[in-house]
Amino acid sequence: MKNYKCYLKGLDCANCAAQLENAIQKIDGIENASVSFMTGKLVFDCNEEQEKDLIKKVKKAIRKEEPDVEVEGI
């Protein structure tokens, strides 16, 4: 497992952060996903063999749940 950290610009509220965290946790291959509204940080673990595919899925889930949020760092 590899640990990833990135920042979410434009996250509006704690409820939005919770919805994003829930959506990302549902992705097969993603573990320990956590979104902090206060810091705007997303942290998650994923399998290195599926790394590129899982990162695409994380970004897609973010776009679907919060289209105005920009992902920085992955």
N, C-alpha and C. Protein backbone atom coordinates (compact mmCIF):
# COMPACT_ATOMS: atom_id res chain seq x y z
N MET A 1 0.84 -1.19 0.00
CA MET A 1 0.00 0.00 0.00
C MET A 1 0.88 1.25 0.00
N LYS A 2 0.43 2.22 -0.76
CA LYS A 2 1.14 3.49 -0.83
C LYS A 2 0.21 4.58 -0.29
N ASN A 3 0.78 5.50 0.45
CA ASN A 3 0.01 6.59 1.05
C ASN A 3 0.08 7.82 0.16
N TYR A 4 -1.07 8.45 -0.08
CA TYR A 4 -1.14 9.66 -0.90
C TYR A 4 -1.72 10.80 -0.08
N LYS A 5 -1.20 11.99 -0.33
CA LYS A 5 -1.73 13.21 0.28
C LYS A 5 -1.88 14.23 -0.83
N CYS A 6 -2.98 14.93 -0.82
CA CYS A 6 -3.17 16.02 -1.78
C CYS A 6 -4.08 17.06 -1.15
N TYR A 7 -4.20 18.18 -1.81
CA TYR A 7 -5.02 19.28 -1.30
C TYR A 7 -6.21 19.52 -2.21
N LEU A 8 -7.31 19.89 -1.60
CA LEU A 8 -8.56 20.14 -2.32
C LEU A 8 -8.88 21.62 -2.20
N LYS A 9 -8.68 22.36 -3.29
CA LYS A 9 -8.98 23.79 -3.30
C LYS A 9 -10.45 24.01 -3.65
N GLY A 10 -11.10 24.87 -2.87
CA GLY A 10 -12.49 25.21 -3.16
C GLY A 10 -13.50 24.38 -2.40
N LEU A 11 -13.05 23.63 -1.41
CA LEU A 11 -13.95 22.84 -0.58
C LEU A 11 -14.75 23.80 0.30
N ASP A 12 -16.09 23.79 0.16
CA ASP A 12 -16.94 24.81 0.78
C ASP A 12 -17.32 24.58 2.23
N CYS A 13 -17.54 23.32 2.62
CA CYS A 13 -18.06 23.09 3.96
C CYS A 13 -17.68 21.71 4.47
N ALA A 14 -17.86 21.51 5.77
CA ALA A 14 -17.54 20.23 6.40
C ALA A 14 -18.42 19.10 5.85
N ASN A 15 -19.68 19.42 5.53
CA ASN A 15 -20.57 18.42 4.97
C ASN A 15 -20.07 17.96 3.60
N CYS A 16 -19.58 18.89 2.80
CA CYS A 16 -19.02 18.55 1.49
C CYS A 16 -17.81 17.63 1.66
N ALA A 17 -16.97 17.93 2.64
CA ALA A 17 -15.79 17.11 2.92
C ALA A 17 -16.22 15.70 3.31
N ALA A 18 -17.25 15.59 4.14
CA ALA A 18 -17.75 14.28 4.57
C ALA A 18 -18.31 13.49 3.39
N GLN A 19 -19.02 14.16 2.48
CA GLN A 19 -19.57 13.48 1.31
C GLN A 19 -18.44 12.98 0.40
N LEU A 20 -17.41 13.80 0.22
CA LEU A 20 -16.27 13.38 -0.60
C LEU A 20 -15.58 12.18 0.03
N GLU A 21 -15.34 12.25 1.33
CA GLU A 21 -14.68 11.15 2.02
C GLU A 21 -15.48 9.87 1.84
N ASN A 22 -16.79 9.94 2.00
CA ASN A 22 -17.64 8.77 1.85
C ASN A 22 -17.56 8.20 0.43
N ALA A 23 -17.60 9.06 -0.57
CA ALA A 23 -17.53 8.62 -1.97
C ALA A 23 -16.19 7.96 -2.27
N ILE A 24 -15.11 8.53 -1.76
CA ILE A 24 -13.77 7.99 -2.03
C ILE A 24 -13.57 6.65 -1.30
N GLN A 25 -14.11 6.52 -0.11
CA GLN A 25 -13.99 5.27 0.65
C GLN A 25 -14.69 4.11 -0.05
N LYS A 26 -15.68 4.40 -0.88
CA LYS A 26 -16.42 3.35 -1.58
C LYS A 26 -15.67 2.78 -2.78
N ILE A 27 -14.59 3.42 -3.20
CA ILE A 27 -13.83 2.96 -4.36
C ILE A 27 -13.02 1.72 -3.97
N ASP A 28 -13.22 0.62 -4.70
CA ASP A 28 -12.47 -0.61 -4.44
C ASP A 28 -10.99 -0.34 -4.64
N GLY A 29 -10.17 -0.73 -3.66
CA GLY A 29 -8.73 -0.54 -3.75
C GLY A 29 -8.24 0.67 -2.96
N ILE A 30 -9.16 1.50 -2.50
CA ILE A 30 -8.81 2.66 -1.68
C ILE A 30 -9.08 2.32 -0.22
N GLU A 31 -8.11 2.63 0.63
CA GLU A 31 -8.28 2.38 2.06
C GLU A 31 -7.90 3.63 2.85
N ASN A 32 -8.48 3.74 4.02
CA ASN A 32 -8.14 4.80 4.98
C ASN A 32 -8.28 6.20 4.39
N ALA A 33 -9.30 6.43 3.60
CA ALA A 33 -9.51 7.76 3.01
C ALA A 33 -10.02 8.72 4.08
N SER A 34 -9.43 9.91 4.09
CA SER A 34 -9.82 10.92 5.06
C SER A 34 -9.73 12.30 4.40
N VAL A 35 -10.80 13.08 4.54
CA VAL A 35 -10.83 14.44 4.02
C VAL A 35 -11.00 15.39 5.20
N SER A 36 -10.09 16.34 5.32
CA SER A 36 -10.17 17.34 6.38
C SER A 36 -10.63 18.67 5.77
N PHE A 37 -11.80 19.13 6.21
CA PHE A 37 -12.28 20.42 5.73
C PHE A 37 -11.38 21.55 6.20
N MET A 38 -10.91 21.48 7.44
CA MET A 38 -10.10 22.56 8.02
C MET A 38 -8.78 22.78 7.26
N THR A 39 -8.14 21.69 6.87
CA THR A 39 -6.85 21.82 6.17
C THR A 39 -7.00 21.69 4.65
N GLY A 40 -8.16 21.18 4.20
CA GLY A 40 -8.34 20.96 2.76
C GLY A 40 -7.51 19.81 2.25
N LYS A 41 -7.17 18.88 3.15
CA LYS A 41 -6.28 17.78 2.78
C LYS A 41 -7.05 16.47 2.62
N LEU A 42 -6.71 15.74 1.57
CA LEU A 42 -7.20 14.39 1.33
C LEU A 42 -6.03 13.45 1.51
N VAL A 43 -6.22 12.40 2.32
CA VAL A 43 -5.20 11.38 2.55
C VAL A 43 -5.86 10.03 2.29
N PHE A 44 -5.16 9.16 1.55
CA PHE A 44 -5.68 7.81 1.33
C PHE A 44 -4.55 6.86 1.01
N ASP A 45 -4.82 5.58 1.18
CA ASP A 45 -3.88 4.51 0.83
C ASP A 45 -4.45 3.75 -0.35
N CYS A 46 -3.55 3.33 -1.25
CA CYS A 46 -4.00 2.49 -2.36
C CYS A 46 -2.91 1.51 -2.77
N ASN A 47 -3.34 0.48 -3.46
CA ASN A 47 -2.45 -0.55 -3.96
C ASN A 47 -1.58 0.04 -5.07
N GLU A 48 -0.26 -0.13 -4.99
CA GLU A 48 0.64 0.46 -5.97
C GLU A 48 0.45 -0.08 -7.38
N GLU A 49 0.03 -1.35 -7.50
CA GLU A 49 -0.17 -1.93 -8.84
C GLU A 49 -1.33 -1.27 -9.58
N GLN A 50 -2.29 -0.74 -8.84
CA GLN A 50 -3.47 -0.11 -9.44
C GLN A 50 -3.42 1.41 -9.31
N GLU A 51 -2.28 1.94 -8.96
CA GLU A 51 -2.12 3.35 -8.61
C GLU A 51 -2.75 4.32 -9.61
N LYS A 52 -2.38 4.24 -10.88
CA LYS A 52 -2.88 5.20 -11.87
C LYS A 52 -4.39 5.12 -12.04
N ASP A 53 -4.91 3.91 -12.09
CA ASP A 53 -6.35 3.72 -12.25
C ASP A 53 -7.11 4.24 -11.04
N LEU A 54 -6.60 3.97 -9.85
CA LEU A 54 -7.28 4.41 -8.63
C LEU A 54 -7.23 5.92 -8.47
N ILE A 55 -6.14 6.55 -8.84
CA ILE A 55 -6.06 8.01 -8.77
C ILE A 55 -7.07 8.64 -9.73
N LYS A 56 -7.24 8.05 -10.91
CA LYS A 56 -8.25 8.54 -11.86
C LYS A 56 -9.64 8.42 -11.25
N LYS A 57 -9.90 7.30 -10.57
CA LYS A 57 -11.21 7.09 -9.94
C LYS A 57 -11.45 8.09 -8.81
N VAL A 58 -10.41 8.39 -8.04
CA VAL A 58 -10.54 9.37 -6.96
C VAL A 58 -10.87 10.74 -7.55
N LYS A 59 -10.15 11.14 -8.59
CA LYS A 59 -10.40 12.44 -9.22
C LYS A 59 -11.80 12.49 -9.82
N LYS A 60 -12.25 11.39 -10.41
CA LYS A 60 -13.59 11.34 -10.99
C LYS A 60 -14.66 11.48 -9.91
N ALA A 61 -14.45 10.80 -8.77
CA ALA A 61 -15.41 10.90 -7.66
C ALA A 61 -15.48 12.33 -7.13
N ILE A 62 -14.33 13.00 -7.06
CA ILE A 62 -14.29 14.38 -6.59
C ILE A 62 -15.04 15.28 -7.57
N ARG A 63 -14.80 15.11 -8.87
CA ARG A 63 -15.50 15.92 -9.88
C ARG A 63 -17.01 15.70 -9.82
N LYS A 64 -17.43 14.45 -9.59
CA LYS A 64 -18.86 14.13 -9.53
C LYS A 64 -19.51 14.76 -8.29
N GLU A 65 -18.88 14.63 -7.14
CA GLU A 65 -19.47 15.12 -5.89
C GLU A 65 -19.34 16.64 -5.74
N GLU A 66 -18.19 17.17 -6.11
CA GLU A 66 -17.89 18.60 -5.93
C GLU A 66 -17.18 19.13 -7.17
N PRO A 67 -17.93 19.47 -8.23
CA PRO A 67 -17.32 19.89 -9.50
C PRO A 67 -16.42 21.13 -9.41
N ASP A 68 -16.61 21.96 -8.39
CA ASP A 68 -15.81 23.18 -8.27
C ASP A 68 -14.51 22.98 -7.52
N VAL A 69 -14.29 21.79 -6.97
CA VAL A 69 -13.07 21.52 -6.19
C VAL A 69 -11.94 21.13 -7.12
N GLU A 70 -10.77 21.74 -6.92
CA GLU A 70 -9.57 21.41 -7.68
C GLU A 70 -8.65 20.55 -6.81
N VAL A 71 -8.08 19.51 -7.42
CA VAL A 71 -7.16 18.62 -6.74
C VAL A 71 -5.74 19.04 -7.05
N GLU A 72 -4.93 19.23 -6.00
CA GLU A 72 -3.54 19.61 -6.19
C GLU A 72 -2.65 18.61 -5.48
N GLY A 73 -1.65 18.11 -6.18
CA GLY A 73 -0.65 17.27 -5.53
C GLY A 73 -0.62 15.83 -5.97
N ILE A 74 -1.59 15.37 -6.75
CA ILE A 74 -1.51 14.00 -7.29
C ILE A 74 -1.82 14.05 -8.76
